[in-house]
Amino acid sequence: MQTEIDTKKTQTFKIEYSVIFPYVQKKKIPIYGLAPEEPTFSEMIDLYIKNQKEFPQRASSDYKNQEIFQKELFDYLIKEHWTTAGKVQSDVTNALFEVKHRFQDALMGKVEKDGWSSFNTHYVKVISELASNHKGKTILVTIVGVEHVYWLKKELSSNKNIDLINTERLINN
C-alpha cells in the first residue's frame, strides 16, 4: 500500500522493507505501492482469506492433495530448479506456478480464482499506469511475490507501452 511506503511503516512480515527503504532513499529512486488502499484491500482479500481458511474443513481430501502437490512443487523448485537467482524468474518457474494456481482454482472454486485474479488485475492496472506516466523509463517491479509473475507477464505483454525484459537472462548475465 502506498501509505505504508510513504510512512515507511515497519512490517514484521515484510522484512524486505528494512533493505528497500534505505536503498531507494539513498539513491533517490521513486517507489510506488501496488496493493490497494483500505477499504479496497480488505474488500478484495476478505473472501479469499475466508475461503483459504475454510477449505481444509470443507474439502479435507482435496486439501490433503493440495498440500502434497505444493510440498512436492516447492521441494523441486528449492532443491533442484532454483540453482541460480535467474531460475527463480524463469519460464519454467512461471509455468509451474500457473499450473499450481489452475489446480488450486479447480479444487477451491470461484472465490479462489476471483480473489487471485482481482489482486493481479489491480497490480496490472497500477503497473500499466506507471508505465504510461513514465514513458521511456525502466520500471522494476519487485516484492509482488514470485507466484504472481506468470500472471503479470501474460497480461502486461499485450500492453504496447511496456517492453518486458527477460528477467532470468538479465539476472544470469
N, C-alpha and C. Protein backbone atom coordinates (compact mmCIF):
# COMPACT_ATOMS: atom_id res chain seq x y z
N MET A 1 0.84 -1.18 0.00
CA MET A 1 0.00 0.00 0.00
C MET A 1 0.88 1.24 0.00
N GLN A 2 0.47 2.22 -0.74
CA GLN A 2 1.28 3.43 -0.85
C GLN A 2 1.45 4.12 0.51
N THR A 3 0.42 4.07 1.37
CA THR A 3 0.56 4.72 2.68
C THR A 3 1.66 4.05 3.50
N GLU A 4 1.82 2.74 3.39
CA GLU A 4 2.91 2.06 4.10
C GLU A 4 4.27 2.54 3.58
N ILE A 5 4.36 2.73 2.29
CA ILE A 5 5.61 3.19 1.70
C ILE A 5 5.89 4.64 2.10
N ASP A 6 4.87 5.48 1.99
CA ASP A 6 5.05 6.90 2.32
C ASP A 6 5.45 7.11 3.77
N THR A 7 4.90 6.30 4.67
CA THR A 7 5.19 6.44 6.10
C THR A 7 6.34 5.54 6.55
N LYS A 8 6.86 4.73 5.61
CA LYS A 8 7.93 3.77 5.91
C LYS A 8 7.55 2.90 7.11
N LYS A 9 6.30 2.47 7.10
CA LYS A 9 5.75 1.65 8.18
C LYS A 9 6.52 0.34 8.32
N THR A 10 6.91 0.04 9.53
CA THR A 10 7.61 -1.21 9.81
C THR A 10 6.62 -2.36 9.77
N GLN A 11 7.00 -3.41 9.08
CA GLN A 11 6.17 -4.60 8.96
C GLN A 11 7.01 -5.81 9.31
N THR A 12 6.61 -6.54 10.33
CA THR A 12 7.39 -7.72 10.73
C THR A 12 7.38 -8.80 9.65
N PHE A 13 6.33 -8.85 8.84
CA PHE A 13 6.26 -9.88 7.81
C PHE A 13 6.76 -9.38 6.45
N LYS A 14 7.19 -8.14 6.39
CA LYS A 14 7.78 -7.60 5.16
C LYS A 14 9.19 -7.10 5.49
N ILE A 15 10.05 -8.06 5.79
CA ILE A 15 11.39 -7.69 6.24
C ILE A 15 12.19 -7.00 5.15
N GLU A 16 11.79 -7.17 3.89
CA GLU A 16 12.50 -6.52 2.80
C GLU A 16 12.40 -4.99 2.90
N TYR A 17 11.40 -4.49 3.60
CA TYR A 17 11.27 -3.04 3.76
C TYR A 17 12.53 -2.44 4.40
N SER A 18 13.14 -3.19 5.32
CA SER A 18 14.32 -2.67 6.01
C SER A 18 15.52 -2.51 5.07
N VAL A 19 15.48 -3.17 3.94
CA VAL A 19 16.54 -3.05 2.94
C VAL A 19 16.12 -2.07 1.84
N ILE A 20 14.89 -2.18 1.39
CA ILE A 20 14.43 -1.37 0.27
C ILE A 20 14.34 0.12 0.61
N PHE A 21 13.71 0.44 1.72
CA PHE A 21 13.52 1.85 2.05
C PHE A 21 14.84 2.62 2.13
N PRO A 22 15.84 2.13 2.86
CA PRO A 22 17.10 2.87 2.89
C PRO A 22 17.77 2.97 1.51
N TYR A 23 17.69 1.89 0.73
CA TYR A 23 18.31 1.89 -0.60
C TYR A 23 17.68 2.93 -1.52
N VAL A 24 16.36 2.91 -1.64
CA VAL A 24 15.70 3.85 -2.55
C VAL A 24 15.84 5.29 -2.07
N GLN A 25 15.87 5.47 -0.77
CA GLN A 25 16.06 6.82 -0.22
C GLN A 25 17.46 7.34 -0.57
N LYS A 26 18.46 6.50 -0.38
CA LYS A 26 19.84 6.87 -0.68
C LYS A 26 20.01 7.18 -2.17
N LYS A 27 19.40 6.38 -3.02
CA LYS A 27 19.53 6.53 -4.47
C LYS A 27 18.51 7.51 -5.07
N LYS A 28 17.61 8.00 -4.22
CA LYS A 28 16.54 8.92 -4.67
C LYS A 28 15.70 8.30 -5.79
N ILE A 29 15.34 7.04 -5.59
CA ILE A 29 14.52 6.30 -6.54
C ILE A 29 13.08 6.36 -6.07
N PRO A 30 12.17 6.75 -6.95
CA PRO A 30 10.76 6.73 -6.55
C PRO A 30 10.28 5.29 -6.34
N ILE A 31 9.42 5.10 -5.37
CA ILE A 31 8.90 3.78 -5.07
C ILE A 31 7.38 3.89 -4.95
N TYR A 32 6.68 2.97 -5.55
CA TYR A 32 5.23 3.01 -5.59
C TYR A 32 4.66 1.70 -5.07
N GLY A 33 3.63 1.79 -4.29
CA GLY A 33 2.95 0.60 -3.78
C GLY A 33 1.99 0.05 -4.82
N LEU A 34 1.90 -1.26 -4.88
CA LEU A 34 0.97 -1.89 -5.82
C LEU A 34 -0.35 -2.28 -5.17
N ALA A 35 -0.31 -2.62 -3.90
CA ALA A 35 -1.53 -3.09 -3.23
C ALA A 35 -2.51 -1.93 -3.06
N PRO A 36 -3.78 -2.22 -3.16
CA PRO A 36 -4.79 -1.16 -2.99
C PRO A 36 -4.87 -0.69 -1.54
N GLU A 37 -5.32 0.51 -1.37
CA GLU A 37 -5.53 1.07 -0.03
C GLU A 37 -6.80 0.50 0.56
N GLU A 38 -6.96 0.66 1.86
CA GLU A 38 -8.20 0.31 2.53
C GLU A 38 -9.29 1.30 2.13
N PRO A 39 -10.52 0.91 2.04
CA PRO A 39 -11.08 -0.39 2.37
C PRO A 39 -11.02 -1.39 1.21
N THR A 40 -10.52 -0.94 0.05
CA THR A 40 -10.48 -1.81 -1.12
C THR A 40 -9.66 -3.06 -0.85
N PHE A 41 -8.53 -2.91 -0.16
CA PHE A 41 -7.68 -4.06 0.15
C PHE A 41 -8.47 -5.15 0.87
N SER A 42 -9.15 -4.78 1.94
CA SER A 42 -9.93 -5.76 2.71
C SER A 42 -11.08 -6.32 1.90
N GLU A 43 -11.73 -5.49 1.10
CA GLU A 43 -12.83 -5.97 0.27
C GLU A 43 -12.35 -7.04 -0.71
N MET A 44 -11.13 -6.84 -1.22
CA MET A 44 -10.58 -7.79 -2.19
C MET A 44 -10.10 -9.08 -1.52
N ILE A 45 -9.61 -8.98 -0.32
CA ILE A 45 -8.93 -10.13 0.28
C ILE A 45 -9.77 -10.91 1.28
N ASP A 46 -10.77 -10.30 1.88
CA ASP A 46 -11.51 -10.97 2.95
C ASP A 46 -12.15 -12.29 2.52
N LEU A 47 -12.86 -12.30 1.40
CA LEU A 47 -13.48 -13.55 0.93
C LEU A 47 -12.42 -14.60 0.56
N TYR A 48 -11.35 -14.14 -0.04
CA TYR A 48 -10.25 -15.02 -0.43
C TYR A 48 -9.66 -15.71 0.80
N ILE A 49 -9.37 -14.93 1.84
CA ILE A 49 -8.80 -15.49 3.07
C ILE A 49 -9.79 -16.43 3.76
N LYS A 50 -11.04 -16.03 3.79
CA LYS A 50 -12.08 -16.89 4.39
C LYS A 50 -12.13 -18.23 3.66
N ASN A 51 -12.10 -18.20 2.35
CA ASN A 51 -12.10 -19.42 1.54
C ASN A 51 -10.88 -20.28 1.84
N GLN A 52 -9.72 -19.65 1.97
CA GLN A 52 -8.50 -20.37 2.29
C GLN A 52 -8.60 -21.06 3.65
N LYS A 53 -9.15 -20.34 4.63
CA LYS A 53 -9.26 -20.89 5.99
C LYS A 53 -10.29 -22.01 6.07
N GLU A 54 -11.38 -21.91 5.34
CA GLU A 54 -12.45 -22.91 5.41
C GLU A 54 -12.19 -24.13 4.54
N PHE A 55 -11.30 -24.01 3.59
CA PHE A 55 -11.05 -25.08 2.64
C PHE A 55 -10.68 -26.41 3.30
N PRO A 56 -9.78 -26.46 4.28
CA PRO A 56 -9.43 -27.76 4.88
C PRO A 56 -10.62 -28.49 5.49
N GLN A 57 -11.54 -27.76 6.09
CA GLN A 57 -12.72 -28.41 6.69
C GLN A 57 -13.75 -28.77 5.62
N ARG A 58 -13.88 -27.93 4.62
CA ARG A 58 -14.89 -28.12 3.58
C ARG A 58 -14.54 -29.28 2.65
N ALA A 59 -13.26 -29.46 2.39
CA ALA A 59 -12.83 -30.48 1.42
C ALA A 59 -11.51 -31.09 1.88
N SER A 60 -11.57 -31.89 2.93
CA SER A 60 -10.33 -32.37 3.55
C SER A 60 -9.45 -33.19 2.61
N SER A 61 -10.03 -34.04 1.78
CA SER A 61 -9.18 -34.85 0.89
C SER A 61 -8.55 -33.97 -0.20
N ASP A 62 -9.31 -33.00 -0.73
CA ASP A 62 -8.75 -32.06 -1.70
C ASP A 62 -7.63 -31.23 -1.06
N TYR A 63 -7.85 -30.84 0.19
CA TYR A 63 -6.84 -30.07 0.92
C TYR A 63 -5.56 -30.90 1.05
N LYS A 64 -5.69 -32.16 1.41
CA LYS A 64 -4.51 -33.03 1.55
C LYS A 64 -3.78 -33.17 0.22
N ASN A 65 -4.53 -33.33 -0.87
CA ASN A 65 -3.91 -33.42 -2.19
C ASN A 65 -3.19 -32.13 -2.56
N GLN A 66 -3.80 -31.03 -2.23
CA GLN A 66 -3.17 -29.74 -2.50
C GLN A 66 -1.87 -29.60 -1.70
N GLU A 67 -1.89 -30.01 -0.45
CA GLU A 67 -0.71 -29.95 0.40
C GLU A 67 0.43 -30.80 -0.17
N ILE A 68 0.10 -32.01 -0.64
CA ILE A 68 1.10 -32.89 -1.25
C ILE A 68 1.68 -32.23 -2.49
N PHE A 69 0.79 -31.71 -3.35
CA PHE A 69 1.23 -31.06 -4.58
C PHE A 69 2.17 -29.90 -4.27
N GLN A 70 1.77 -29.03 -3.34
CA GLN A 70 2.59 -27.86 -3.01
C GLN A 70 3.93 -28.26 -2.41
N LYS A 71 3.93 -29.27 -1.54
CA LYS A 71 5.19 -29.71 -0.95
C LYS A 71 6.13 -30.21 -2.03
N GLU A 72 5.62 -31.04 -2.93
CA GLU A 72 6.46 -31.59 -4.00
C GLU A 72 6.94 -30.47 -4.94
N LEU A 73 6.05 -29.54 -5.25
CA LEU A 73 6.42 -28.42 -6.12
C LEU A 73 7.55 -27.61 -5.50
N PHE A 74 7.39 -27.20 -4.25
CA PHE A 74 8.41 -26.37 -3.62
C PHE A 74 9.69 -27.15 -3.33
N ASP A 75 9.58 -28.43 -3.01
CA ASP A 75 10.79 -29.25 -2.87
C ASP A 75 11.58 -29.27 -4.18
N TYR A 76 10.86 -29.48 -5.29
CA TYR A 76 11.53 -29.48 -6.59
C TYR A 76 12.16 -28.12 -6.89
N LEU A 77 11.38 -27.05 -6.72
CA LEU A 77 11.90 -25.73 -7.04
C LEU A 77 13.12 -25.39 -6.19
N ILE A 78 13.00 -25.55 -4.91
CA ILE A 78 14.06 -25.13 -3.98
C ILE A 78 15.29 -26.04 -4.07
N LYS A 79 15.07 -27.33 -4.14
CA LYS A 79 16.21 -28.26 -4.10
C LYS A 79 16.83 -28.55 -5.46
N GLU A 80 16.03 -28.41 -6.54
CA GLU A 80 16.54 -28.83 -7.84
C GLU A 80 16.56 -27.72 -8.90
N HIS A 81 15.51 -26.94 -8.99
CA HIS A 81 15.43 -25.98 -10.09
C HIS A 81 16.06 -24.62 -9.78
N TRP A 82 15.82 -24.08 -8.61
CA TRP A 82 16.31 -22.75 -8.29
C TRP A 82 17.79 -22.78 -7.90
N THR A 83 18.62 -23.18 -8.85
CA THR A 83 20.05 -23.28 -8.61
C THR A 83 20.77 -21.95 -8.87
N THR A 84 20.07 -21.01 -9.50
CA THR A 84 20.59 -19.65 -9.68
C THR A 84 19.45 -18.67 -9.42
N ALA A 85 19.79 -17.43 -9.16
CA ALA A 85 18.76 -16.41 -8.93
C ALA A 85 17.88 -16.25 -10.17
N GLY A 86 18.48 -16.36 -11.33
CA GLY A 86 17.73 -16.22 -12.57
C GLY A 86 16.66 -17.29 -12.74
N LYS A 87 16.92 -18.50 -12.27
CA LYS A 87 15.95 -19.58 -12.43
C LYS A 87 14.69 -19.35 -11.60
N VAL A 88 14.80 -18.54 -10.56
CA VAL A 88 13.60 -18.18 -9.79
C VAL A 88 12.65 -17.41 -10.69
N GLN A 89 13.19 -16.67 -11.65
CA GLN A 89 12.38 -15.87 -12.57
C GLN A 89 12.24 -16.51 -13.94
N SER A 90 12.47 -17.80 -14.03
CA SER A 90 12.49 -18.49 -15.33
C SER A 90 11.09 -18.80 -15.85
N ASP A 91 11.06 -19.13 -17.14
CA ASP A 91 9.81 -19.58 -17.76
C ASP A 91 9.31 -20.87 -17.11
N VAL A 92 10.23 -21.74 -16.69
CA VAL A 92 9.84 -22.98 -16.02
C VAL A 92 9.13 -22.66 -14.71
N THR A 93 9.71 -21.76 -13.91
CA THR A 93 9.08 -21.36 -12.65
C THR A 93 7.69 -20.80 -12.92
N ASN A 94 7.59 -19.91 -13.90
CA ASN A 94 6.29 -19.30 -14.21
C ASN A 94 5.27 -20.35 -14.65
N ALA A 95 5.68 -21.28 -15.48
CA ALA A 95 4.76 -22.33 -15.94
C ALA A 95 4.29 -23.20 -14.77
N LEU A 96 5.19 -23.54 -13.89
CA LEU A 96 4.82 -24.37 -12.74
C LEU A 96 3.85 -23.65 -11.81
N PHE A 97 4.05 -22.35 -11.60
CA PHE A 97 3.12 -21.62 -10.75
C PHE A 97 1.77 -21.40 -11.43
N GLU A 98 1.78 -21.30 -12.75
CA GLU A 98 0.49 -21.21 -13.44
C GLU A 98 -0.29 -22.51 -13.25
N VAL A 99 0.38 -23.65 -13.38
CA VAL A 99 -0.28 -24.94 -13.16
C VAL A 99 -0.75 -25.04 -11.70
N LYS A 100 0.08 -24.61 -10.76
CA LYS A 100 -0.30 -24.64 -9.35
C LYS A 100 -1.61 -23.87 -9.12
N HIS A 101 -1.70 -22.69 -9.72
CA HIS A 101 -2.90 -21.89 -9.50
C HIS A 101 -4.11 -22.43 -10.25
N ARG A 102 -3.91 -23.02 -11.39
CA ARG A 102 -5.02 -23.70 -12.07
C ARG A 102 -5.55 -24.84 -11.21
N PHE A 103 -4.64 -25.59 -10.61
CA PHE A 103 -5.01 -26.70 -9.74
C PHE A 103 -5.77 -26.18 -8.52
N GLN A 104 -5.25 -25.13 -7.88
CA GLN A 104 -5.93 -24.53 -6.72
C GLN A 104 -7.32 -24.03 -7.09
N ASP A 105 -7.43 -23.36 -8.23
CA ASP A 105 -8.73 -22.87 -8.68
C ASP A 105 -9.72 -24.03 -8.85
N ALA A 106 -9.25 -25.13 -9.45
CA ALA A 106 -10.11 -26.28 -9.66
C ALA A 106 -10.56 -26.89 -8.33
N LEU A 107 -9.67 -26.94 -7.36
CA LEU A 107 -10.01 -27.51 -6.06
C LEU A 107 -10.84 -26.57 -5.20
N MET A 108 -10.46 -25.31 -5.18
CA MET A 108 -11.01 -24.36 -4.21
C MET A 108 -12.15 -23.52 -4.74
N GLY A 109 -12.33 -23.49 -6.05
CA GLY A 109 -13.50 -22.85 -6.62
C GLY A 109 -13.35 -21.40 -7.03
N LYS A 110 -14.49 -20.82 -7.36
CA LYS A 110 -14.60 -19.48 -7.93
C LYS A 110 -14.01 -18.39 -7.02
N VAL A 111 -14.21 -18.51 -5.71
CA VAL A 111 -13.69 -17.48 -4.79
C VAL A 111 -12.17 -17.42 -4.87
N GLU A 112 -11.53 -18.58 -4.96
CA GLU A 112 -10.07 -18.65 -5.09
C GLU A 112 -9.63 -17.96 -6.38
N LYS A 113 -10.27 -18.37 -7.48
CA LYS A 113 -9.90 -17.82 -8.79
C LYS A 113 -10.17 -16.32 -8.84
N ASP A 114 -11.31 -15.88 -8.38
CA ASP A 114 -11.65 -14.46 -8.41
C ASP A 114 -10.75 -13.63 -7.50
N GLY A 115 -10.42 -14.17 -6.32
CA GLY A 115 -9.55 -13.45 -5.40
C GLY A 115 -8.16 -13.26 -5.99
N TRP A 116 -7.62 -14.33 -6.56
CA TRP A 116 -6.29 -14.27 -7.17
C TRP A 116 -6.30 -13.30 -8.35
N SER A 117 -7.34 -13.39 -9.16
CA SER A 117 -7.45 -12.52 -10.34
C SER A 117 -7.62 -11.05 -9.96
N SER A 118 -8.37 -10.79 -8.88
CA SER A 118 -8.62 -9.39 -8.52
C SER A 118 -7.34 -8.69 -8.11
N PHE A 119 -6.48 -9.36 -7.35
CA PHE A 119 -5.21 -8.74 -6.96
C PHE A 119 -4.31 -8.57 -8.16
N ASN A 120 -4.19 -9.60 -8.98
CA ASN A 120 -3.32 -9.49 -10.15
C ASN A 120 -3.82 -8.43 -11.13
N THR A 121 -5.13 -8.34 -11.31
CA THR A 121 -5.69 -7.32 -12.18
C THR A 121 -5.38 -5.94 -11.65
N HIS A 122 -5.49 -5.77 -10.34
CA HIS A 122 -5.14 -4.49 -9.73
C HIS A 122 -3.66 -4.16 -9.97
N TYR A 123 -2.78 -5.15 -9.77
CA TYR A 123 -1.35 -4.92 -9.98
C TYR A 123 -1.08 -4.51 -11.43
N VAL A 124 -1.72 -5.18 -12.39
CA VAL A 124 -1.54 -4.85 -13.80
C VAL A 124 -1.98 -3.42 -14.07
N LYS A 125 -3.09 -3.02 -13.49
CA LYS A 125 -3.58 -1.65 -13.68
C LYS A 125 -2.57 -0.63 -13.15
N VAL A 126 -2.05 -0.85 -11.96
CA VAL A 126 -1.09 0.09 -11.38
C VAL A 126 0.20 0.12 -12.20
N ILE A 127 0.72 -1.06 -12.57
CA ILE A 127 1.95 -1.12 -13.36
C ILE A 127 1.74 -0.44 -14.71
N SER A 128 0.61 -0.66 -15.35
CA SER A 128 0.31 -0.04 -16.65
C SER A 128 0.23 1.47 -16.52
N GLU A 129 -0.39 1.95 -15.46
CA GLU A 129 -0.45 3.41 -15.23
C GLU A 129 0.94 3.99 -15.01
N LEU A 130 1.76 3.30 -14.23
CA LEU A 130 3.12 3.77 -14.00
C LEU A 130 3.91 3.81 -15.31
N ALA A 131 3.78 2.78 -16.12
CA ALA A 131 4.48 2.75 -17.40
C ALA A 131 4.01 3.89 -18.30
N SER A 132 2.73 4.14 -18.30
CA SER A 132 2.19 5.23 -19.11
C SER A 132 2.68 6.59 -18.62
N ASN A 133 2.79 6.74 -17.30
CA ASN A 133 3.23 8.01 -16.72
C ASN A 133 4.74 8.20 -16.73
N HIS A 134 5.49 7.14 -17.03
CA HIS A 134 6.95 7.20 -17.03
C HIS A 134 7.50 6.61 -18.33
N LYS A 135 6.95 7.04 -19.45
CA LYS A 135 7.38 6.52 -20.75
C LYS A 135 8.88 6.71 -20.94
N GLY A 136 9.50 5.66 -21.47
CA GLY A 136 10.94 5.70 -21.72
C GLY A 136 11.79 5.38 -20.50
N LYS A 137 11.18 5.17 -19.38
CA LYS A 137 11.90 4.86 -18.14
C LYS A 137 11.85 3.36 -17.88
N THR A 138 12.83 2.88 -17.15
CA THR A 138 12.83 1.49 -16.71
C THR A 138 12.11 1.42 -15.38
N ILE A 139 11.18 0.49 -15.28
CA ILE A 139 10.42 0.29 -14.05
C ILE A 139 10.73 -1.13 -13.57
N LEU A 140 11.21 -1.23 -12.36
CA LEU A 140 11.46 -2.53 -11.76
C LEU A 140 10.30 -2.85 -10.84
N VAL A 141 9.62 -3.93 -11.13
CA VAL A 141 8.51 -4.38 -10.29
C VAL A 141 9.05 -5.51 -9.42
N THR A 142 8.98 -5.31 -8.14
CA THR A 142 9.54 -6.30 -7.22
C THR A 142 8.65 -6.45 -6.00
N ILE A 143 8.87 -7.46 -5.25
CA ILE A 143 8.18 -7.72 -4.00
C ILE A 143 6.68 -7.92 -4.21
N VAL A 144 6.32 -8.45 -5.33
CA VAL A 144 4.93 -8.82 -5.54
C VAL A 144 4.75 -10.25 -5.06
N GLY A 145 5.72 -11.06 -5.27
CA GLY A 145 5.67 -12.48 -4.95
C GLY A 145 5.85 -13.28 -6.23
N VAL A 146 6.74 -14.24 -6.19
CA VAL A 146 7.11 -14.99 -7.38
C VAL A 146 5.92 -15.70 -8.02
N GLU A 147 4.91 -16.04 -7.22
CA GLU A 147 3.77 -16.75 -7.79
C GLU A 147 2.91 -15.86 -8.69
N HIS A 148 3.05 -14.55 -8.58
CA HIS A 148 2.25 -13.64 -9.39
C HIS A 148 2.88 -13.38 -10.76
N VAL A 149 4.16 -13.69 -10.92
CA VAL A 149 4.91 -13.28 -12.11
C VAL A 149 4.30 -13.81 -13.39
N TYR A 150 3.93 -15.10 -13.45
CA TYR A 150 3.38 -15.66 -14.69
C TYR A 150 2.15 -14.88 -15.13
N TRP A 151 1.29 -14.54 -14.18
CA TRP A 151 0.03 -13.85 -14.47
C TRP A 151 0.32 -12.44 -14.97
N LEU A 152 1.20 -11.74 -14.27
CA LEU A 152 1.52 -10.36 -14.64
C LEU A 152 2.19 -10.29 -16.00
N LYS A 153 3.15 -11.18 -16.25
CA LYS A 153 3.83 -11.17 -17.55
C LYS A 153 2.85 -11.43 -18.69
N LYS A 154 1.95 -12.38 -18.48
CA LYS A 154 0.98 -12.70 -19.52
C LYS A 154 0.12 -11.48 -19.84
N GLU A 155 -0.37 -10.81 -18.83
CA GLU A 155 -1.24 -9.64 -19.02
C GLU A 155 -0.48 -8.43 -19.53
N LEU A 156 0.70 -8.17 -18.97
CA LEU A 156 1.46 -6.98 -19.36
C LEU A 156 2.08 -7.10 -20.75
N SER A 157 2.25 -8.32 -21.24
CA SER A 157 2.88 -8.49 -22.56
C SER A 157 2.04 -7.90 -23.69
N SER A 158 0.75 -7.72 -23.46
CA SER A 158 -0.10 -7.15 -24.51
C SER A 158 -0.18 -5.62 -24.44
N ASN A 159 0.48 -5.01 -23.46
CA ASN A 159 0.46 -3.55 -23.31
C ASN A 159 1.57 -2.96 -24.16
N LYS A 160 1.19 -2.15 -25.16
CA LYS A 160 2.17 -1.57 -26.09
C LYS A 160 3.11 -0.57 -25.43
N ASN A 161 2.77 -0.08 -24.25
CA ASN A 161 3.63 0.86 -23.53
C ASN A 161 4.68 0.16 -22.68
N ILE A 162 4.64 -1.17 -22.67
CA ILE A 162 5.54 -1.92 -21.79
C ILE A 162 6.38 -2.88 -22.61
N ASP A 163 7.69 -2.83 -22.39
CA ASP A 163 8.62 -3.76 -23.01
C ASP A 163 9.17 -4.63 -21.88
N LEU A 164 8.66 -5.85 -21.77
CA LEU A 164 9.09 -6.74 -20.69
C LEU A 164 10.51 -7.24 -20.97
N ILE A 165 11.29 -7.29 -19.93
CA ILE A 165 12.66 -7.78 -20.02
C ILE A 165 12.69 -9.20 -19.49
N ASN A 166 13.46 -10.05 -20.15
CA ASN A 166 13.62 -11.43 -19.68
C ASN A 166 14.48 -11.39 -18.42
N THR A 167 13.82 -11.50 -17.28
CA THR A 167 14.49 -11.35 -16.00
C THR A 167 15.52 -12.44 -15.77
N GLU A 168 15.22 -13.66 -16.18
CA GLU A 168 16.17 -14.75 -15.99
C GLU A 168 17.48 -14.43 -16.70
N ARG A 169 17.40 -14.01 -17.96
CA ARG A 169 18.59 -13.68 -18.72
C ARG A 169 19.33 -12.49 -18.12
N LEU A 170 18.58 -11.49 -17.69
CA LEU A 170 19.17 -10.29 -17.09
C LEU A 170 19.94 -10.63 -15.82
N ILE A 171 19.34 -11.43 -14.96
CA ILE A 171 19.96 -11.80 -13.68
C ILE A 171 21.17 -12.70 -13.89
N ASN A 172 21.09 -13.60 -14.87
CA ASN A 172 22.19 -14.56 -15.10
C ASN A 172 23.36 -13.96 -15.87
N ASN A 173 23.20 -12.75 -16.41
CA ASN A 173 24.33 -12.11 -17.16
C ASN A 173 25.21 -11.34 -16.23
